[in-house]
Amino acid sequence: MPLSPLKIKTNIVRRIHRESIGYAKEAITQQERIDKLIAEGADEYDVRKQKEVLGETLQMIPDVKKRLANAYQDLQNHLENAENADIDELQEAQTVISEIAAI
């Protein structure tokens, strides 16, 4: 049985939300790595390379937030227009909407 559009949109929001959390954690970890390298007096090249990695991670965050906002809005719109949807799928979608809105 194929997944319903509501289920698909719910899963998309969940996945992008996890991706957003992952990038935020990665940025913190990368900054800690840089701070440690600096404290240990590591080679300037190594520090610069790690800063480039941090920069790439930070560049991804606005894109992920934008995709999350779009997917969230799409899910909300679909939820408002959901007809004959499975009650479990409706509840799951509402839960995801509530979790994201609380952020």
N, C-alpha and C. Protein backbone atom coordinates (compact mmCIF):
# COMPACT_ATOMS: atom_id res chain seq x y z
N MET A 1 0.85 -1.19 0.00
CA MET A 1 0.00 0.00 0.00
C MET A 1 0.88 1.24 0.00
N PRO A 2 0.69 2.15 -0.94
CA PRO A 2 1.52 3.35 -1.00
C PRO A 2 1.23 4.29 0.16
N LEU A 3 2.23 5.08 0.50
CA LEU A 3 2.06 6.05 1.58
C LEU A 3 1.15 7.18 1.11
N SER A 4 0.36 7.69 2.03
CA SER A 4 -0.52 8.81 1.70
C SER A 4 0.31 10.10 1.61
N PRO A 5 -0.19 11.08 0.90
CA PRO A 5 0.52 12.36 0.81
C PRO A 5 0.76 13.00 2.19
N LEU A 6 -0.20 12.84 3.09
CA LEU A 6 -0.05 13.40 4.44
C LEU A 6 1.11 12.72 5.17
N LYS A 7 1.19 11.42 5.07
CA LYS A 7 2.27 10.66 5.71
C LYS A 7 3.62 11.07 5.12
N ILE A 8 3.69 11.22 3.82
CA ILE A 8 4.93 11.62 3.14
C ILE A 8 5.37 13.00 3.62
N LYS A 9 4.43 13.94 3.65
CA LYS A 9 4.77 15.31 4.08
C LYS A 9 5.20 15.34 5.54
N THR A 10 4.57 14.53 6.37
CA THR A 10 4.96 14.44 7.78
C THR A 10 6.39 13.92 7.89
N ASN A 11 6.70 12.89 7.13
CA ASN A 11 8.04 12.32 7.16
C ASN A 11 9.09 13.30 6.63
N ILE A 12 8.73 14.09 5.65
CA ILE A 12 9.65 15.09 5.11
C ILE A 12 9.99 16.11 6.19
N VAL A 13 8.98 16.60 6.89
CA VAL A 13 9.22 17.59 7.95
C VAL A 13 10.11 16.98 9.04
N ARG A 14 9.81 15.75 9.42
CA ARG A 14 10.63 15.07 10.43
C ARG A 14 12.09 14.96 10.01
N ARG A 15 12.30 14.54 8.75
CA ARG A 15 13.67 14.34 8.24
C ARG A 15 14.44 15.66 8.20
N ILE A 16 13.80 16.71 7.70
CA ILE A 16 14.49 18.00 7.61
C ILE A 16 14.76 18.55 9.01
N HIS A 17 13.85 18.31 9.93
CA HIS A 17 14.05 18.76 11.31
C HIS A 17 15.29 18.04 11.91
N ARG A 18 15.39 16.75 11.70
CA ARG A 18 16.57 16.00 12.19
C ARG A 18 17.84 16.53 11.55
N GLU A 19 17.76 16.84 10.25
CA GLU A 19 18.91 17.38 9.54
C GLU A 19 19.32 18.73 10.15
N SER A 20 18.36 19.56 10.48
CA SER A 20 18.61 20.86 11.10
C SER A 20 19.32 20.70 12.44
N ILE A 21 18.83 19.78 13.24
CA ILE A 21 19.46 19.51 14.54
C ILE A 21 20.88 19.00 14.34
N GLY A 22 21.07 18.14 13.35
CA GLY A 22 22.39 17.59 13.06
C GLY A 22 23.40 18.66 12.69
N TYR A 23 22.99 19.60 11.84
CA TYR A 23 23.91 20.68 11.46
C TYR A 23 24.25 21.57 12.66
N ALA A 24 23.28 21.83 13.51
CA ALA A 24 23.53 22.66 14.69
C ALA A 24 24.54 21.96 15.62
N LYS A 25 24.35 20.66 15.83
CA LYS A 25 25.29 19.90 16.67
C LYS A 25 26.67 19.84 16.03
N GLU A 26 26.69 19.65 14.72
CA GLU A 26 27.98 19.59 14.01
C GLU A 26 28.73 20.91 14.14
N ALA A 27 28.02 22.03 14.06
CA ALA A 27 28.67 23.33 14.19
C ALA A 27 29.29 23.49 15.58
N ILE A 28 28.58 23.06 16.60
CA ILE A 28 29.10 23.15 17.97
C ILE A 28 30.34 22.27 18.12
N THR A 29 30.24 21.04 17.63
CA THR A 29 31.36 20.11 17.73
C THR A 29 32.58 20.64 16.97
N GLN A 30 32.34 21.20 15.79
CA GLN A 30 33.44 21.73 14.98
C GLN A 30 34.10 22.91 15.68
N GLN A 31 33.30 23.79 16.29
CA GLN A 31 33.87 24.93 17.01
C GLN A 31 34.70 24.45 18.19
N GLU A 32 34.22 23.43 18.89
CA GLU A 32 34.99 22.87 20.00
C GLU A 32 36.31 22.28 19.51
N ARG A 33 36.28 21.63 18.35
CA ARG A 33 37.49 21.06 17.75
C ARG A 33 38.49 22.18 17.43
N ILE A 34 37.99 23.27 16.87
CA ILE A 34 38.86 24.41 16.54
C ILE A 34 39.46 25.00 17.80
N ASP A 35 38.63 25.21 18.82
CA ASP A 35 39.11 25.77 20.09
C ASP A 35 40.20 24.89 20.69
N LYS A 36 40.01 23.58 20.61
CA LYS A 36 40.99 22.65 21.15
C LYS A 36 42.31 22.72 20.37
N LEU A 37 42.20 22.79 19.04
CA LEU A 37 43.41 22.89 18.21
C LEU A 37 44.18 24.17 18.55
N ILE A 38 43.46 25.26 18.71
CA ILE A 38 44.10 26.54 19.03
C ILE A 38 44.76 26.45 20.40
N ALA A 39 44.05 25.88 21.37
CA ALA A 39 44.59 25.75 22.73
C ALA A 39 45.85 24.88 22.76
N GLU A 40 45.89 23.89 21.88
CA GLU A 40 47.04 22.99 21.82
C GLU A 40 48.17 23.54 20.96
N GLY A 41 47.94 24.70 20.36
CA GLY A 41 48.97 25.31 19.51
C GLY A 41 49.17 24.55 18.21
N ALA A 42 48.11 24.04 17.65
CA ALA A 42 48.19 23.26 16.41
C ALA A 42 48.64 24.15 15.26
N ASP A 43 49.07 23.49 14.20
CA ASP A 43 49.52 24.18 13.00
C ASP A 43 48.41 25.07 12.46
N GLU A 44 48.79 26.25 12.01
CA GLU A 44 47.83 27.22 11.51
C GLU A 44 47.03 26.67 10.33
N TYR A 45 47.67 25.87 9.50
CA TYR A 45 46.99 25.26 8.35
C TYR A 45 45.84 24.37 8.82
N ASP A 46 46.10 23.55 9.85
CA ASP A 46 45.06 22.65 10.37
C ASP A 46 43.89 23.45 10.93
N VAL A 47 44.20 24.52 11.65
CA VAL A 47 43.14 25.35 12.23
C VAL A 47 42.32 26.00 11.11
N ARG A 48 43.01 26.50 10.09
CA ARG A 48 42.33 27.16 8.98
C ARG A 48 41.41 26.17 8.25
N LYS A 49 41.88 24.95 8.04
CA LYS A 49 41.07 23.93 7.38
C LYS A 49 39.82 23.61 8.20
N GLN A 50 39.97 23.50 9.50
CA GLN A 50 38.83 23.21 10.37
C GLN A 50 37.84 24.38 10.36
N LYS A 51 38.36 25.60 10.26
CA LYS A 51 37.48 26.77 10.17
C LYS A 51 36.70 26.76 8.86
N GLU A 52 37.33 26.26 7.78
CA GLU A 52 36.63 26.13 6.50
C GLU A 52 35.47 25.13 6.63
N VAL A 53 35.74 24.03 7.32
CA VAL A 53 34.70 23.02 7.53
C VAL A 53 33.55 23.64 8.33
N LEU A 54 33.88 24.40 9.38
CA LEU A 54 32.86 25.07 10.17
C LEU A 54 32.05 26.04 9.30
N GLY A 55 32.74 26.77 8.46
CA GLY A 55 32.07 27.72 7.57
C GLY A 55 31.09 27.02 6.64
N GLU A 56 31.48 25.86 6.11
CA GLU A 56 30.59 25.11 5.23
C GLU A 56 29.35 24.64 5.99
N THR A 57 29.56 24.20 7.22
CA THR A 57 28.44 23.76 8.05
C THR A 57 27.50 24.93 8.32
N LEU A 58 28.05 26.07 8.68
CA LEU A 58 27.23 27.24 8.98
C LEU A 58 26.46 27.72 7.76
N GLN A 59 27.03 27.53 6.56
CA GLN A 59 26.33 27.92 5.34
C GLN A 59 25.11 27.05 5.08
N MET A 60 25.13 25.82 5.57
CA MET A 60 24.01 24.90 5.34
C MET A 60 22.82 25.22 6.24
N ILE A 61 23.07 25.81 7.38
CA ILE A 61 22.00 26.02 8.37
C ILE A 61 20.85 26.89 7.82
N PRO A 62 21.12 28.04 7.19
CA PRO A 62 19.99 28.83 6.66
C PRO A 62 19.19 28.08 5.59
N ASP A 63 19.88 27.30 4.76
CA ASP A 63 19.20 26.52 3.72
C ASP A 63 18.27 25.49 4.35
N VAL A 64 18.76 24.80 5.37
CA VAL A 64 17.95 23.78 6.04
C VAL A 64 16.76 24.44 6.74
N LYS A 65 16.99 25.57 7.37
CA LYS A 65 15.87 26.27 8.04
C LYS A 65 14.81 26.69 7.03
N LYS A 66 15.24 27.16 5.87
CA LYS A 66 14.30 27.57 4.83
C LYS A 66 13.51 26.36 4.32
N ARG A 67 14.21 25.25 4.08
CA ARG A 67 13.52 24.04 3.61
C ARG A 67 12.54 23.53 4.67
N LEU A 68 12.95 23.62 5.95
CA LEU A 68 12.07 23.19 7.04
C LEU A 68 10.82 24.07 7.10
N ALA A 69 11.01 25.37 6.98
CA ALA A 69 9.86 26.29 7.01
C ALA A 69 8.90 25.99 5.86
N ASN A 70 9.45 25.74 4.67
CA ASN A 70 8.60 25.44 3.52
C ASN A 70 7.86 24.11 3.70
N ALA A 71 8.57 23.09 4.17
CA ALA A 71 7.96 21.78 4.37
C ALA A 71 6.90 21.84 5.48
N TYR A 72 7.19 22.61 6.53
CA TYR A 72 6.25 22.79 7.64
C TYR A 72 4.97 23.45 7.13
N GLN A 73 5.12 24.51 6.34
CA GLN A 73 3.96 25.21 5.79
C GLN A 73 3.17 24.29 4.87
N ASP A 74 3.88 23.51 4.06
CA ASP A 74 3.22 22.57 3.15
C ASP A 74 2.42 21.54 3.94
N LEU A 75 3.00 21.04 5.02
CA LEU A 75 2.30 20.06 5.86
C LEU A 75 1.07 20.70 6.51
N GLN A 76 1.23 21.92 7.01
CA GLN A 76 0.08 22.60 7.62
C GLN A 76 -1.05 22.79 6.61
N ASN A 77 -0.69 23.22 5.42
CA ASN A 77 -1.70 23.42 4.38
C ASN A 77 -2.38 22.10 4.03
N HIS A 78 -1.59 21.07 3.91
CA HIS A 78 -2.16 19.76 3.55
C HIS A 78 -3.06 19.25 4.68
N LEU A 79 -2.64 19.51 5.90
CA LEU A 79 -3.41 19.06 7.06
C LEU A 79 -4.77 19.77 7.11
N GLU A 80 -4.77 21.05 6.78
CA GLU A 80 -6.03 21.82 6.77
C GLU A 80 -7.00 21.31 5.71
N ASN A 81 -6.43 20.78 4.63
CA ASN A 81 -7.26 20.32 3.51
C ASN A 81 -7.40 18.80 3.46
N ALA A 82 -6.95 18.14 4.50
CA ALA A 82 -6.97 16.68 4.51
C ALA A 82 -8.41 16.18 4.65
N GLU A 83 -8.80 15.40 3.70
CA GLU A 83 -10.13 14.80 3.73
C GLU A 83 -9.97 13.29 3.70
N ASN A 84 -10.75 12.62 4.47
CA ASN A 84 -10.72 11.16 4.52
C ASN A 84 -9.34 10.61 4.89
N ALA A 85 -8.60 11.36 5.65
CA ALA A 85 -7.28 10.90 6.07
C ALA A 85 -7.41 9.96 7.26
N ASP A 86 -6.46 9.08 7.36
CA ASP A 86 -6.41 8.14 8.47
C ASP A 86 -6.21 8.93 9.77
N ILE A 87 -6.94 8.58 10.80
CA ILE A 87 -6.89 9.32 12.08
C ILE A 87 -5.48 9.28 12.68
N ASP A 88 -4.81 8.14 12.56
CA ASP A 88 -3.44 8.03 13.08
C ASP A 88 -2.49 8.96 12.34
N GLU A 89 -2.66 9.06 11.03
CA GLU A 89 -1.81 9.96 10.24
C GLU A 89 -2.09 11.41 10.61
N LEU A 90 -3.35 11.74 10.84
CA LEU A 90 -3.70 13.10 11.25
C LEU A 90 -3.07 13.45 12.59
N GLN A 91 -3.15 12.52 13.54
CA GLN A 91 -2.56 12.76 14.86
C GLN A 91 -1.04 12.88 14.76
N GLU A 92 -0.44 12.02 13.96
CA GLU A 92 1.02 12.07 13.78
C GLU A 92 1.44 13.41 13.18
N ALA A 93 0.71 13.87 12.17
CA ALA A 93 1.01 15.16 11.54
C ALA A 93 0.85 16.29 12.54
N GLN A 94 -0.22 16.25 13.34
CA GLN A 94 -0.44 17.28 14.36
C GLN A 94 0.68 17.28 15.39
N THR A 95 1.15 16.11 15.78
CA THR A 95 2.25 16.01 16.74
C THR A 95 3.51 16.65 16.18
N VAL A 96 3.83 16.35 14.93
CA VAL A 96 5.03 16.92 14.29
C VAL A 96 4.89 18.43 14.20
N ILE A 97 3.73 18.90 13.80
CA ILE A 97 3.48 20.36 13.71
C ILE A 97 3.71 21.00 15.09
N SER A 98 3.18 20.38 16.13
CA SER A 98 3.32 20.92 17.48
C SER A 98 4.78 20.94 17.93
N GLU A 99 5.51 19.87 17.63
CA GLU A 99 6.92 19.79 18.02
C GLU A 99 7.74 20.88 17.34
N ILE A 100 7.50 21.09 16.06
CA ILE A 100 8.26 22.09 15.31
C ILE A 100 7.87 23.49 15.77
N ALA A 101 6.60 23.71 16.01
CA ALA A 101 6.12 25.03 16.43
C ALA A 101 6.68 25.42 17.78
N ALA A 102 6.99 24.44 18.61
CA ALA A 102 7.52 24.71 19.95
C ALA A 102 8.97 25.17 19.93
N ILE A 103 9.61 25.06 18.79
CA ILE A 103 11.03 25.43 18.70
C ILE A 103 11.20 26.92 18.58
